[in-house]
Protein backbone atom coordinates (compact mmCIF):
# COMPACT_ATOMS: atom_id res chain seq x y z
CA MET A 1 -3.84 -5.73 10.16
CA ASN A 2 -6.99 -5.28 12.16
CA GLU A 3 -9.64 -4.74 9.49
CA ASN A 4 -11.76 -2.74 11.95
CA ALA A 5 -8.93 -0.35 12.81
CA ARG A 6 -9.42 3.24 11.84
CA LEU A 7 -7.38 4.32 8.82
CA THR A 8 -5.18 7.41 8.67
CA SER A 9 -4.33 9.43 5.57
CA VAL A 10 -0.72 9.47 4.40
CA VAL A 11 0.82 11.69 1.75
CA PHE A 12 3.93 10.69 -0.19
CA ARG A 13 5.55 11.16 -3.57
CA LEU A 14 5.70 8.51 -6.26
CA ASN A 15 7.38 8.51 -9.67
CA ARG A 16 4.87 9.24 -12.43
CA ASP A 17 5.56 5.97 -14.25
CA ARG A 18 4.87 3.95 -11.08
CA LEU A 19 1.67 5.90 -10.44
CA ASP A 20 0.51 5.32 -14.01
CA MET A 21 1.15 1.57 -13.68
CA LEU A 22 -0.70 1.48 -10.35
CA LYS A 23 -3.65 3.34 -11.87
CA GLU A 24 -3.78 0.95 -14.82
CA LEU A 25 -3.62 -2.10 -12.55
CA SER A 26 -6.38 -0.66 -10.41
CA LYS A 27 -8.53 0.08 -13.44
CA GLU A 28 -8.04 -3.40 -14.91
CA THR A 29 -8.67 -5.28 -11.65
CA ARG A 30 -11.21 -2.89 -10.11
CA ILE A 31 -9.22 -2.98 -6.87
CA ARG A 32 -8.54 0.38 -5.29
CA GLN A 33 -5.04 1.81 -5.44
CA SER A 34 -5.13 2.26 -1.68
CA GLU A 35 -5.74 -1.48 -1.23
CA TYR A 36 -2.65 -2.29 -3.28
CA LEU A 37 -0.58 0.21 -1.31
CA ARG A 38 -1.75 -1.19 2.05
CA GLU A 39 -0.90 -4.69 0.83
CA ALA A 40 2.57 -3.60 -0.33
CA ILE A 41 3.32 -1.84 2.96
CA GLY A 42 2.08 -4.87 4.91
CA ASP A 43 4.37 -7.15 2.88
CA LEU A 44 7.33 -4.83 3.47
CA LEU A 45 6.72 -4.64 7.21
CA GLU A 46 6.41 -8.41 7.41
CA LYS A 47 9.67 -8.81 5.51
CA TYR A 48 11.52 -6.56 7.98
CA GLN A 49 9.62 -7.51 11.14
CA ASP A 50 12.85 -8.60 12.83
CA ARG A 51 14.07 -4.98 12.63
CA ILE A 52 10.93 -3.49 14.15
CA VAL A 53 11.11 -2.78 17.87
CA ASP A 54 7.75 -3.03 19.66
């Protein structure tokens, strides 16, 4: 991901237990929840890159 690229807001639903775990991880590590979510999405897109049509 281009670190200088402009970010866009996204809204989605998440199970409460997953959100609570994400919040706790973020609190313990002092890494923003949004950073973890961007990392997870990046990993997912890399995993399925062969299915993505440019």
